[in-house]
Protein backbone atom coordinates (compact mmCIF):
# COMPACT_ATOMS: atom_id res chain seq x y z
CA MET A 1 0.00 0.00 0.00
CA LEU A 2 1.32 3.34 -0.97
CA SER A 3 -1.27 5.31 1.00
CA GLN A 4 -4.75 5.19 2.45
CA LYS A 5 -7.30 7.82 3.38
CA VAL A 6 -10.64 7.84 5.16
CA GLN A 7 -12.88 10.88 4.79
CA ILE A 8 -15.98 11.37 6.92
CA ASP A 9 -19.07 13.16 5.60
CA ARG A 10 -21.05 13.78 8.79
CA SER A 11 -23.92 15.60 7.12
CA GLY A 12 -24.38 12.80 4.58
CA GLN A 13 -23.49 10.11 7.15
CA GLN A 14 -21.05 8.52 4.74
CA VAL A 15 -17.44 7.39 4.81
CA HIS A 16 -15.22 7.63 1.72
CA PHE A 17 -12.29 5.21 1.56
CA THR A 18 -9.27 5.54 -0.72
CA LEU A 19 -6.58 2.88 -0.88
CA VAL A 20 -3.60 3.49 -3.17
CA PHE A 21 -1.41 0.50 -4.01
CA ASP A 22 2.20 0.81 -5.17
CA HIS A 23 1.15 -1.08 -8.34
CA VAL A 24 -2.07 -1.87 -10.19
CA PRO A 25 -3.64 -4.55 -7.96
CA ASP A 26 -4.70 -7.91 -9.37
CA PHE A 27 -7.81 -9.12 -7.52
CA GLN A 28 -8.68 -11.82 -10.08
CA ASP A 29 -5.68 -14.18 -10.13
CA PHE A 30 -5.46 -16.76 -7.34
CA ASP A 31 -2.77 -19.15 -6.12
CA SER A 32 -3.29 -22.90 -5.57
CA PHE A 33 -4.67 -22.16 -2.07
CA GLY A 34 -7.35 -19.82 -3.45
CA ARG A 35 -5.66 -16.63 -2.21
CA PRO A 36 -5.85 -13.60 -4.53
CA GLN A 37 -2.63 -12.10 -5.82
CA ASP A 38 -3.52 -8.76 -4.23
CA SER A 39 -5.99 -8.03 -1.50
CA PHE A 40 -6.72 -5.81 1.50
CA GLN A 41 -8.76 -5.85 4.67
CA TYR A 42 -10.26 -3.08 6.81
CA GLU A 43 -11.17 -3.97 10.40
CA ILE A 44 -13.38 -1.39 12.09
CA VAL A 45 -14.27 -0.73 15.73
CA PRO A 46 -17.07 1.87 15.75
CA ASP A 47 -17.63 4.87 18.00
CA THR A 48 -14.23 4.91 19.69
CA ALA A 49 -11.02 6.93 19.50
CA ILE A 50 -9.02 4.19 21.23
CA PRO A 51 -6.39 2.84 18.79
CA ILE A 52 -7.45 -0.54 17.42
CA ASN A 53 -4.26 -2.24 18.63
CA GLN A 54 -5.41 -1.50 22.20
CA LEU A 55 -8.80 -3.15 21.66
CA SER A 56 -9.78 -6.80 21.55
CA PHE A 57 -10.44 -8.84 18.42
CA GLY A 58 -14.07 -9.18 19.51
CA ASP A 59 -14.52 -5.39 19.38
CA ILE A 60 -14.28 -5.42 15.56
CA ARG A 61 -17.81 -4.79 14.26
CA ALA A 62 -17.26 -4.36 10.52
CA VAL A 63 -14.83 -5.96 8.08
CA ILE A 64 -14.22 -5.04 4.45
CA ARG A 65 -12.24 -7.68 2.56
CA GLY A 66 -10.68 -7.37 -0.87
CA ASP A 67 -10.61 -11.19 -1.03
CA GLU A 68 -14.28 -11.01 -1.93
CA ILE A 69 -14.00 -8.64 -4.89
CA GLY A 70 -13.14 -11.28 -7.47
CA SER A 71 -14.38 -10.09 -10.83
CA GLY A 72 -17.49 -8.43 -9.41
CA ASN A 73 -18.28 -4.77 -8.94
CA LEU A 74 -19.49 -4.89 -5.34
CA LEU A 75 -17.47 -4.98 -2.16
CA PRO A 76 -19.09 -6.81 0.78
CA ILE A 77 -18.99 -5.31 4.27
CA ARG A 78 -19.26 -8.02 6.90
CA ASN A 79 -20.11 -8.14 10.56
CA GLY A 80 -17.32 -8.96 12.98
CA ILE A 81 -17.52 -12.23 14.88
CA GLN A 82 -19.65 -10.90 17.77
CA ASN A 83 -22.71 -12.83 16.47
CA GLY A 84 -20.84 -15.83 15.09
CA SER A 85 -19.13 -16.44 11.78
CA ASP A 86 -20.53 -16.98 8.32
CA ASN A 87 -19.87 -20.55 7.17
CA SER A 88 -19.50 -19.61 3.49
CA ALA A 89 -16.14 -20.27 1.87
CA THR A 90 -15.66 -16.58 1.06
CA SER A 91 -16.28 -15.16 4.55
CA GLY A 92 -12.75 -15.67 5.86
CA GLY A 93 -14.34 -16.67 9.17
CA TRP A 94 -16.00 -13.26 9.66
CA GLY A 95 -19.70 -12.64 10.20
CA THR A 96 -22.56 -12.27 7.77
CA ILE A 97 -22.67 -9.63 5.05
CA ARG A 98 -24.30 -6.42 6.29
CA ALA A 99 -23.93 -4.39 3.07
CA ASN A 100 -22.53 -4.48 -0.45
CA VAL A 101 -21.08 -1.27 -1.87
CA PRO A 102 -19.82 -0.43 -5.34
CA PHE A 103 -16.13 0.30 -5.70
CA GLU A 104 -13.99 1.90 -8.35
CA LEU A 105 -10.51 0.81 -9.32
CA THR A 106 -8.67 3.39 -11.40
CA GLY A 107 -5.08 2.33 -12.04
CA ASN A 108 -3.59 1.67 -8.62
CA GLU A 109 -6.30 3.56 -6.66
CA LEU A 110 -9.32 1.81 -5.14
CA THR A 111 -12.18 3.96 -3.81
CA PHE A 112 -15.54 3.18 -2.27
CA THR A 113 -18.14 4.90 -0.12
CA THR A 114 -20.47 3.47 2.49
CA ASN A 115 -22.92 4.82 5.02
CA PHE A 116 -22.38 5.01 8.78
CA ASN A 117 -24.87 2.20 9.38
CA ALA A 118 -22.85 -0.33 7.35
CA LEU A 119 -19.88 0.34 9.64
CA ASP A 120 -22.03 0.25 12.79
CA THR A 121 -21.02 3.81 13.69
CA THR A 122 -23.45 6.51 14.77
CA THR A 123 -21.05 9.45 14.58
CA GLY A 124 -18.44 8.60 11.96
CA LEU A 125 -15.84 8.11 14.67
CA PHE A 126 -14.12 4.74 14.52
CA SER A 127 -10.80 3.04 15.04
CA TYR A 128 -9.52 0.93 12.17
CA ARG A 129 -6.74 -1.14 10.75
CA VAL A 130 -6.12 -1.75 7.06
CA PHE A 131 -3.59 -4.12 5.60
CA THR A 132 -2.72 -5.31 2.12
CA THR A 133 -1.67 -8.81 1.14
CA ASN A 134 0.02 -10.61 -1.71
CA PHE A 135 -1.13 -14.24 -2.01
CA GLY A 136 -2.11 -14.13 1.68
CA SER A 137 1.10 -12.64 3.05
CA THR A 138 0.82 -9.20 4.66
CA VAL A 139 2.62 -6.54 2.63
CA SER A 140 1.65 -3.37 4.52
CA LEU A 141 -0.33 -2.30 7.57
CA ALA A 142 -1.79 0.99 8.77
CA GLN A 143 -3.83 1.77 11.89
CA SER A 144 -5.71 4.96 12.58
CA VAL A 145 -8.78 6.62 14.02
CA SER A 146 -11.26 8.43 11.80
CA VAL A 147 -11.68 12.09 12.64
CA PRO A 148 -15.14 13.42 11.78
CA LEU A 149 -14.75 17.15 11.22
CA PRO A 150 -17.62 19.58 11.59
CA PRO A 151 -19.32 20.44 8.32
CA ALA A 152 -17.41 23.26 6.61
CA LEU A 153 -20.36 25.52 5.78
CA PRO A 154 -21.65 26.08 9.34
CA VAL A 155 -18.11 26.62 10.64
CA SER A 156 -17.36 29.08 7.84
CA CYS A 157 -20.61 30.95 8.47
CA ALA A 158 -19.84 31.16 12.18
CA ILE A 159 -16.38 32.57 11.48
CA LEU A 160 -17.81 35.12 9.03
CA ALA A 161 -20.48 36.14 11.56
CA VAL A 162 -17.84 36.72 14.25
CA LEU A 163 -15.70 38.71 11.82
CA GLY A 164 -18.76 40.72 10.83
CA MET A 165 -19.50 41.54 14.46
CA VAL A 166 -15.91 42.56 15.05
CA GLY A 167 -16.02 44.77 11.97
CA ALA A 168 -19.30 46.34 13.10
CA VAL A 169 -18.00 47.02 16.60
CA SER A 170 -14.54 48.27 15.65
CA PRO A 171 -15.60 51.55 13.96
CA HIS A 172 -17.70 52.43 17.04
CA TYR A 173 -14.65 52.17 19.30
CA LEU A 174 -12.50 54.04 16.82
CA LYS A 175 -14.87 57.05 16.83
CA LYS A 176 -14.75 57.34 20.64
CA GLY A 177 -10.99 57.16 20.80
């Protein structure tokens, strides 16, 4: 993985994921064990700012696995193991599918968007880990916490209002002095 980015849209209650590989990933070729040449996995613990490496495996509530892309155009989002695992061969031992989202692969950049509900978050705040693999071996790993920022328009309006009040008050004080 060359880079990864998670952007939170609080007003739309969506999360935009971008994963940039250091090469064009091959999700369609598999080795003799059924592992794809290239893959990735996001593990998400919702509604916490505690780093994922300080949490337990059972705290993971949503999993997004590149192993399940194949030649399709949808990316499954699975439950963690809190309610048991899915017995299907493609589940990787994780829970049932909670959502399927479209993804786009342009060159070496993979992007997809999902709603808060699919990640089991109410606020857009979550701790996560993402790693990439090559035929099942981990190539890269990143851990982070999403940071939902306030919507830009209300913040900008508030700043402009304060500046407007300062501008309206300043000439009054200048006349007295």
